[in-house]
Amino acid sequence: MASNKVLLERFGLMAEEDFAAILGVSVRTLKNRRRDELPDFVKAGRRRLFVEESVRDFLDAHRIRGRG
């Protein structure tokens, strides 16, 4: 049987804990954000699994460009 991590990778999903770590915030902080402030996600029971492509788009949209 495949592990959770393998299944998440296969479907291009990311655990909420991993997305929070990328942002440097707690999972509680993510839970307090409005839906329109987050990338696309799917619900799996009580868990939110973020779509990796949307996470990349979200991070690109919030990039701060240097002066160079």
PDB file of N, CA and C in Angstrom:
ATOM      1  N   MET A   1       0.842  -1.186   0.000  1.00  0.00           N
ATOM      2  CA  MET A   1       0.000   0.000   0.000  1.00  0.00           C
ATOM      3  C   MET A   1       0.887   1.249   0.000  1.00  0.00           C
ATOM      4  N   ALA A   2       0.527   2.239  -0.787  1.00  0.00           N
ATOM      5  CA  ALA A   2       1.314   3.464  -0.902  1.00  0.00           C
ATOM      6  C   ALA A   2       1.139   4.336   0.337  1.00  0.00           C
ATOM      7  N   SER A   3       2.210   5.026   0.694  1.00  0.00           N
ATOM      8  CA  SER A   3       2.141   5.917   1.852  1.00  0.00           C
ATOM      9  C   SER A   3       1.394   7.200   1.477  1.00  0.00           C
ATOM     10  N   ASN A   4       1.008   7.948   2.500  1.00  0.00           N
ATOM     11  CA  ASN A   4       0.318   9.220   2.263  1.00  0.00           C
ATOM     12  C   ASN A   4       1.148  10.152   1.406  1.00  0.00           C
ATOM     13  N   LYS A   5       2.455  10.243   1.704  1.00  0.00           N
ATOM     14  CA  LYS A   5       3.341  11.149   0.968  1.00  0.00           C
ATOM     15  C   LYS A   5       3.364  10.786  -0.522  1.00  0.00           C
ATOM     16  N   VAL A   6       3.443   9.503  -0.825  1.00  0.00           N
ATOM     17  CA  VAL A   6       3.460   9.048  -2.217  1.00  0.00           C
ATOM     18  C   VAL A   6       2.144   9.405  -2.909  1.00  0.00           C
ATOM     19  N   LEU A   7       1.038   9.194  -2.222  1.00  0.00           N
ATOM     20  CA  LEU A   7      -0.265   9.522  -2.813  1.00  0.00           C
ATOM     21  C   LEU A   7      -0.410  11.017  -3.042  1.00  0.00           C
ATOM     22  N   LEU A   8       0.054  11.825  -2.096  1.00  0.00           N
ATOM     23  CA  LEU A   8      -0.007  13.274  -2.273  1.00  0.00           C
ATOM     24  C   LEU A   8       0.803  13.692  -3.490  1.00  0.00           C
ATOM     25  N   GLU A   9       2.003  13.149  -3.620  1.00  0.00           N
ATOM     26  CA  GLU A   9       2.848  13.478  -4.773  1.00  0.00           C
ATOM     27  C   GLU A   9       2.199  13.028  -6.078  1.00  0.00           C
ATOM     28  N   ARG A  10       1.607  11.858  -6.074  1.00  0.00           N
ATOM     29  CA  ARG A  10       0.984  11.329  -7.288  1.00  0.00           C
ATOM     30  C   ARG A  10      -0.129  12.249  -7.786  1.00  0.00           C
ATOM     31  N   PHE A  11      -0.893  12.825  -6.878  1.00  0.00           N
ATOM     32  CA  PHE A  11      -2.013  13.681  -7.261  1.00  0.00           C
ATOM     33  C   PHE A  11      -1.660  15.165  -7.255  1.00  0.00           C
ATOM     34  N   GLY A  12      -0.387  15.491  -7.017  1.00  0.00           N
ATOM     35  CA  GLY A  12       0.042  16.889  -7.048  1.00  0.00           C
ATOM     36  C   GLY A  12      -0.524  17.701  -5.912  1.00  0.00           C
ATOM     37  N   LEU A  13      -0.581  17.100  -4.723  1.00  0.00           N
ATOM     38  CA  LEU A  13      -1.137  17.781  -3.555  1.00  0.00           C
ATOM     39  C   LEU A  13      -0.070  17.963  -2.475  1.00  0.00           C
ATOM     40  N   MET A  14      -0.309  18.915  -1.607  1.00  0.00           N
ATOM     41  CA  MET A  14       0.609  19.230  -0.523  1.00  0.00           C
ATOM     42  C   MET A  14      -0.171  19.340   0.777  1.00  0.00           C
ATOM     43  N   ALA A  15       0.352  18.734   1.820  1.00  0.00           N
ATOM     44  CA  ALA A  15      -0.299  18.799   3.127  1.00  0.00           C
ATOM     45  C   ALA A  15      -0.275  20.229   3.655  1.00  0.00           C
ATOM     46  N   GLU A  16      -1.275  20.558   4.412  1.00  0.00           N
ATOM     47  CA  GLU A  16      -1.386  21.899   4.992  1.00  0.00           C
ATOM     48  C   GLU A  16      -0.159  22.234   5.839  1.00  0.00           C
ATOM     49  N   GLU A  17       0.362  21.250   6.546  1.00  0.00           N
ATOM     50  CA  GLU A  17       1.539  21.467   7.387  1.00  0.00           C
ATOM     51  C   GLU A  17       2.743  21.871   6.548  1.00  0.00           C
ATOM     52  N   ASP A  18       2.881  21.267   5.370  1.00  0.00           N
ATOM     53  CA  ASP A  18       4.007  21.594   4.485  1.00  0.00           C
ATOM     54  C   ASP A  18       3.868  23.002   3.918  1.00  0.00           C
ATOM     55  N   PHE A  19       2.653  23.376   3.536  1.00  0.00           N
ATOM     56  CA  PHE A  19       2.438  24.728   3.011  1.00  0.00           C
ATOM     57  C   PHE A  19       2.693  25.766   4.096  1.00  0.00           C
ATOM     58  N   ALA A  20       2.256  25.492   5.305  1.00  0.00           N
ATOM     59  CA  ALA A  20       2.512  26.411   6.419  1.00  0.00           C
ATOM     60  C   ALA A  20       4.016  26.566   6.643  1.00  0.00           C
ATOM     61  N   ALA A  21       4.755  25.472   6.547  1.00  0.00           N
ATOM     62  CA  ALA A  21       6.205  25.535   6.733  1.00  0.00           C
ATOM     63  C   ALA A  21       6.868  26.383   5.653  1.00  0.00           C
ATOM     64  N   ILE A  22       6.392  26.266   4.420  1.00  0.00           N
ATOM     65  CA  ILE A  22       6.946  27.078   3.327  1.00  0.00           C
ATOM     66  C   ILE A  22       6.752  28.563   3.626  1.00  0.00           C
ATOM     67  N   LEU A  23       5.575  28.914   4.129  1.00  0.00           N
ATOM     68  CA  LEU A  23       5.274  30.315   4.430  1.00  0.00           C
ATOM     69  C   LEU A  23       5.897  30.785   5.737  1.00  0.00           C
ATOM     70  N   GLY A  24       6.310  29.833   6.573  1.00  0.00           N
ATOM     71  CA  GLY A  24       6.868  30.201   7.871  1.00  0.00           C
ATOM     72  C   GLY A  24       5.808  30.642   8.862  1.00  0.00           C
ATOM     73  N   VAL A  25       4.618  30.050   8.744  1.00  0.00           N
ATOM     74  CA  VAL A  25       3.522  30.364   9.661  1.00  0.00           C
ATOM     75  C   VAL A  25       2.996  29.060  10.247  1.00  0.00           C
ATOM     76  N   SER A  26       2.165  29.176  11.244  1.00  0.00           N
ATOM     77  CA  SER A  26       1.570  27.987  11.845  1.00  0.00           C
ATOM     78  C   SER A  26       0.352  27.539  11.039  1.00  0.00           C
ATOM     79  N   VAL A  27      -0.025  26.291  11.240  1.00  0.00           N
ATOM     80  CA  VAL A  27      -1.234  25.772  10.597  1.00  0.00           C
ATOM     81  C   VAL A  27      -2.441  26.565  11.085  1.00  0.00           C
ATOM     82  N   ARG A  28      -2.441  26.948  12.333  1.00  0.00           N
ATOM     83  CA  ARG A  28      -3.539  27.756  12.873  1.00  0.00           C
ATOM     84  C   ARG A  28      -3.678  29.077  12.117  1.00  0.00           C
ATOM     85  N   THR A  29      -2.554  29.695  11.777  1.00  0.00           N
ATOM     86  CA  THR A  29      -2.590  30.938  11.007  1.00  0.00           C
ATOM     87  C   THR A  29      -3.234  30.701   9.651  1.00  0.00           C
ATOM     88  N   LEU A  30      -2.878  29.599   8.997  1.00  0.00           N
ATOM     89  CA  LEU A  30      -3.503  29.276   7.711  1.00  0.00           C
ATOM     90  C   LEU A  30      -5.002  29.084   7.866  1.00  0.00           C
ATOM     91  N   LYS A  31      -5.399  28.402   8.923  1.00  0.00           N
ATOM     92  CA  LYS A  31      -6.827  28.149   9.139  1.00  0.00           C
ATOM     93  C   LYS A  31      -7.596  29.454   9.353  1.00  0.00           C
ATOM     94  N   ASN A  32      -6.928  30.482   9.851  1.00  0.00           N
ATOM     95  CA  ASN A  32      -7.582  31.761  10.101  1.00  0.00           C
ATOM     96  C   ASN A  32      -7.675  32.639   8.858  1.00  0.00           C
ATOM     97  N   ARG A  33      -6.978  32.268   7.793  1.00  0.00           N
ATOM     98  CA  ARG A  33      -7.028  33.062   6.561  1.00  0.00           C
ATOM     99  C   ARG A  33      -8.295  32.740   5.778  1.00  0.00           C
ATOM    100  N   ARG A  34      -8.793  33.751   5.083  1.00  0.00           N
ATOM    101  CA  ARG A  34      -9.971  33.556   4.239  1.00  0.00           C
ATOM    102  C   ARG A  34      -9.599  32.722   3.016  1.00  0.00           C
ATOM    103  N   ARG A  35     -10.585  32.061   2.448  1.00  0.00           N
ATOM    104  CA  ARG A  35     -10.344  31.222   1.271  1.00  0.00           C
ATOM    105  C   ARG A  35      -9.711  31.989   0.123  1.00  0.00           C
ATOM    106  N   ASP A  36     -10.129  33.242  -0.072  1.00  0.00           N
ATOM    107  CA  ASP A  36      -9.600  34.004  -1.204  1.00  0.00           C
ATOM    108  C   ASP A  36      -8.164  34.466  -0.975  1.00  0.00           C
ATOM    109  N   GLU A  37      -7.609  34.207   0.199  1.00  0.00           N
ATOM    110  CA  GLU A  37      -6.221  34.548   0.498  1.00  0.00           C
ATOM    111  C   GLU A  37      -5.302  33.337   0.379  1.00  0.00           C
ATOM    112  N   LEU A  38      -5.838  32.213  -0.095  1.00  0.00           N
ATOM    113  CA  LEU A  38      -5.089  30.964  -0.159  1.00  0.00           C
ATOM    114  C   LEU A  38      -5.116  30.391  -1.565  1.00  0.00           C
ATOM    115  N   PRO A  39      -4.124  29.556  -1.901  1.00  0.00           N
ATOM    116  CA  PRO A  39      -4.186  28.842  -3.178  1.00  0.00           C
ATOM    117  C   PRO A  39      -5.284  27.777  -3.139  1.00  0.00           C
ATOM    118  N   ASP A  40      -5.572  27.191  -4.289  1.00  0.00           N
ATOM    119  CA  ASP A  40      -6.606  26.157  -4.374  1.00  0.00           C
ATOM    120  C   ASP A  40      -6.255  24.971  -3.482  1.00  0.00           C
ATOM    121  N   PHE A  41      -7.291  24.386  -2.896  1.00  0.00           N
ATOM    122  CA  PHE A  41      -7.097  23.197  -2.072  1.00  0.00           C
ATOM    123  C   PHE A  41      -8.304  22.292  -2.215  1.00  0.00           C
ATOM    124  N   VAL A  42      -8.121  21.041  -1.807  1.00  0.00           N
ATOM    125  CA  VAL A  42      -9.218  20.081  -1.765  1.00  0.00           C
ATOM    126  C   VAL A  42      -9.394  19.649  -0.315  1.00  0.00           C
ATOM    127  N   LYS A  43     -10.593  19.291   0.026  1.00  0.00           N
ATOM    128  CA  LYS A  43     -10.869  18.791   1.377  1.00  0.00           C
ATOM    129  C   LYS A  43     -10.835  17.271   1.341  1.00  0.00           C
ATOM    130  N   ALA A  44     -10.121  16.701   2.277  1.00  0.00           N
ATOM    131  CA  ALA A  44     -10.062  15.251   2.449  1.00  0.00           C
ATOM    132  C   ALA A  44     -10.390  14.991   3.911  1.00  0.00           C
ATOM    133  N   GLY A  45     -11.647  14.729   4.178  1.00  0.00           N
ATOM    134  CA  GLY A  45     -12.082  14.658   5.569  1.00  0.00           C
ATOM    135  C   GLY A  45     -12.003  16.056   6.163  1.00  0.00           C
ATOM    136  N   ARG A  46     -11.253  16.189   7.241  1.00  0.00           N
ATOM    137  CA  ARG A  46     -11.059  17.506   7.856  1.00  0.00           C
ATOM    138  C   ARG A  46      -9.806  18.217   7.372  1.00  0.00           C
ATOM    139  N   ARG A  47      -9.003  17.492   6.600  1.00  0.00           N
ATOM    140  CA  ARG A  47      -7.738  18.052   6.128  1.00  0.00           C
ATOM    141  C   ARG A  47      -7.921  18.874   4.864  1.00  0.00           C
ATOM    142  N   ARG A  48      -7.095  19.901   4.728  1.00  0.00           N
ATOM    143  CA  ARG A  48      -7.003  20.653   3.482  1.00  0.00           C
ATOM    144  C   ARG A  48      -5.703  20.240   2.812  1.00  0.00           C
ATOM    145  N   LEU A  49      -5.792  19.859   1.563  1.00  0.00           N
ATOM    146  CA  LEU A  49      -4.628  19.484   0.778  1.00  0.00           C
ATOM    147  C   LEU A  49      -4.506  20.496  -0.356  1.00  0.00           C
ATOM    148  N   PHE A  50      -3.388  21.200  -0.373  1.00  0.00           N
ATOM    149  CA  PHE A  50      -3.196  22.273  -1.344  1.00  0.00           C
ATOM    150  C   PHE A  50      -2.682  21.720  -2.663  1.00  0.00           C
ATOM    151  N   VAL A  51      -3.201  22.260  -3.760  1.00  0.00           N
ATOM    152  CA  VAL A  51      -2.800  21.862  -5.103  1.00  0.00           C
ATOM    153  C   VAL A  51      -1.436  22.502  -5.380  1.00  0.00           C
ATOM    154  N   GLU A  52      -0.427  21.661  -5.649  1.00  0.00           N
ATOM    155  CA  GLU A  52       0.946  22.163  -5.793  1.00  0.00           C
ATOM    156  C   GLU A  52       1.075  23.238  -6.869  1.00  0.00           C
ATOM    157  N   GLU A  53       0.414  23.068  -7.990  1.00  0.00           N
ATOM    158  CA  GLU A  53       0.479  24.071  -9.059  1.00  0.00           C
ATOM    159  C   GLU A  53      -0.057  25.421  -8.568  1.00  0.00           C
ATOM    160  N   SER A  54      -1.129  25.394  -7.799  1.00  0.00           N
ATOM    161  CA  SER A  54      -1.694  26.629  -7.247  1.00  0.00           C
ATOM    162  C   SER A  54      -0.763  27.241  -6.209  1.00  0.00           C
ATOM    163  N   VAL A  55      -0.069  26.396  -5.458  1.00  0.00           N
ATOM    164  CA  VAL A  55       0.900  26.903  -4.476  1.00  0.00           C
ATOM    165  C   VAL A  55       2.010  27.648  -5.204  1.00  0.00           C
ATOM    166  N   ARG A  56       2.513  27.066  -6.302  1.00  0.00           N
ATOM    167  CA  ARG A  56       3.563  27.743  -7.085  1.00  0.00           C
ATOM    168  C   ARG A  56       3.051  29.076  -7.631  1.00  0.00           C
ATOM    169  N   ASP A  57       1.835  29.094  -8.159  1.00  0.00           N
ATOM    170  CA  ASP A  57       1.246  30.335  -8.670  1.00  0.00           C
ATOM    171  C   ASP A  57       1.085  31.360  -7.550  1.00  0.00           C
ATOM    172  N   PHE A  58       0.646  30.909  -6.390  1.00  0.00           N
ATOM    173  CA  PHE A  58       0.469  31.782  -5.228  1.00  0.00           C
ATOM    174  C   PHE A  58       1.797  32.417  -4.836  1.00  0.00           C
ATOM    175  N   LEU A  59       2.849  31.605  -4.767  1.00  0.00           N
ATOM    176  CA  LEU A  59       4.165  32.120  -4.386  1.00  0.00           C
ATOM    177  C   LEU A  59       4.696  33.089  -5.440  1.00  0.00           C
ATOM    178  N   ASP A  60       4.498  32.796  -6.729  1.00  0.00           N
ATOM    179  CA  ASP A  60       4.918  33.705  -7.783  1.00  0.00           C
ATOM    180  C   ASP A  60       4.182  35.037  -7.694  1.00  0.00           C
ATOM    181  N   ALA A  61       2.903  34.993  -7.387  1.00  0.00           N
ATOM    182  CA  ALA A  61       2.092  36.208  -7.286  1.00  0.00           C
ATOM    183  C   ALA A  61       2.508  37.078  -6.110  1.00  0.00           C
ATOM    184  N   HIS A  62       3.124  36.460  -5.097  1.00  0.00           N
ATOM    185  CA  HIS A  62       3.531  37.208  -3.904  1.00  0.00           C
ATOM    186  C   HIS A  62       5.040  37.481  -3.869  1.00  0.00           C
ATOM    187  N   ARG A  63       5.685  37.261  -5.001  1.00  0.00           N
ATOM    188  CA  ARG A  63       7.120  37.517  -5.105  1.00  0.00           C
ATOM    189  C   ARG A  63       7.389  39.002  -5.083  1.00  0.00           C
ATOM    190  N   ILE A  64       8.409  39.392  -4.370  1.00  0.00           N
ATOM    191  CA  ILE A  64       8.844  40.793  -4.341  1.00  0.00           C
ATOM    192  C   ILE A  64      10.130  40.867  -5.158  1.00  0.00           C
ATOM    193  N   ARG A  65      10.081  41.607  -6.203  1.00  0.00           N
ATOM    194  CA  ARG A  65      11.226  41.705  -7.123  1.00  0.00           C
ATOM    195  C   ARG A  65      12.278  42.675  -6.572  1.00  0.00           C
ATOM    196  N   GLY A  66      13.529  42.331  -6.823  1.00  0.00           N
ATOM    197  CA  GLY A  66      14.634  43.193  -6.403  1.00  0.00           C
ATOM    198  C   GLY A  66      14.785  44.381  -7.352  1.00  0.00           C
ATOM    199  N   ARG A  67      15.678  45.244  -7.016  1.00  0.00           N
ATOM    200  CA  ARG A  67      15.880  46.462  -7.809  1.00  0.00           C
ATOM    201  C   ARG A  67      16.814  46.254  -8.989  1.00  0.00           C
ATOM    202  N   GLY A  68      17.447  45.119  -9.075  1.00  0.00           N
ATOM    203  CA  GLY A  68      18.466  44.867 -10.095  1.00  0.00           C
ATOM    204  C   GLY A  68      17.921  44.696 -11.420  1.00  0.00           C
TER     205      GLY A  68
END
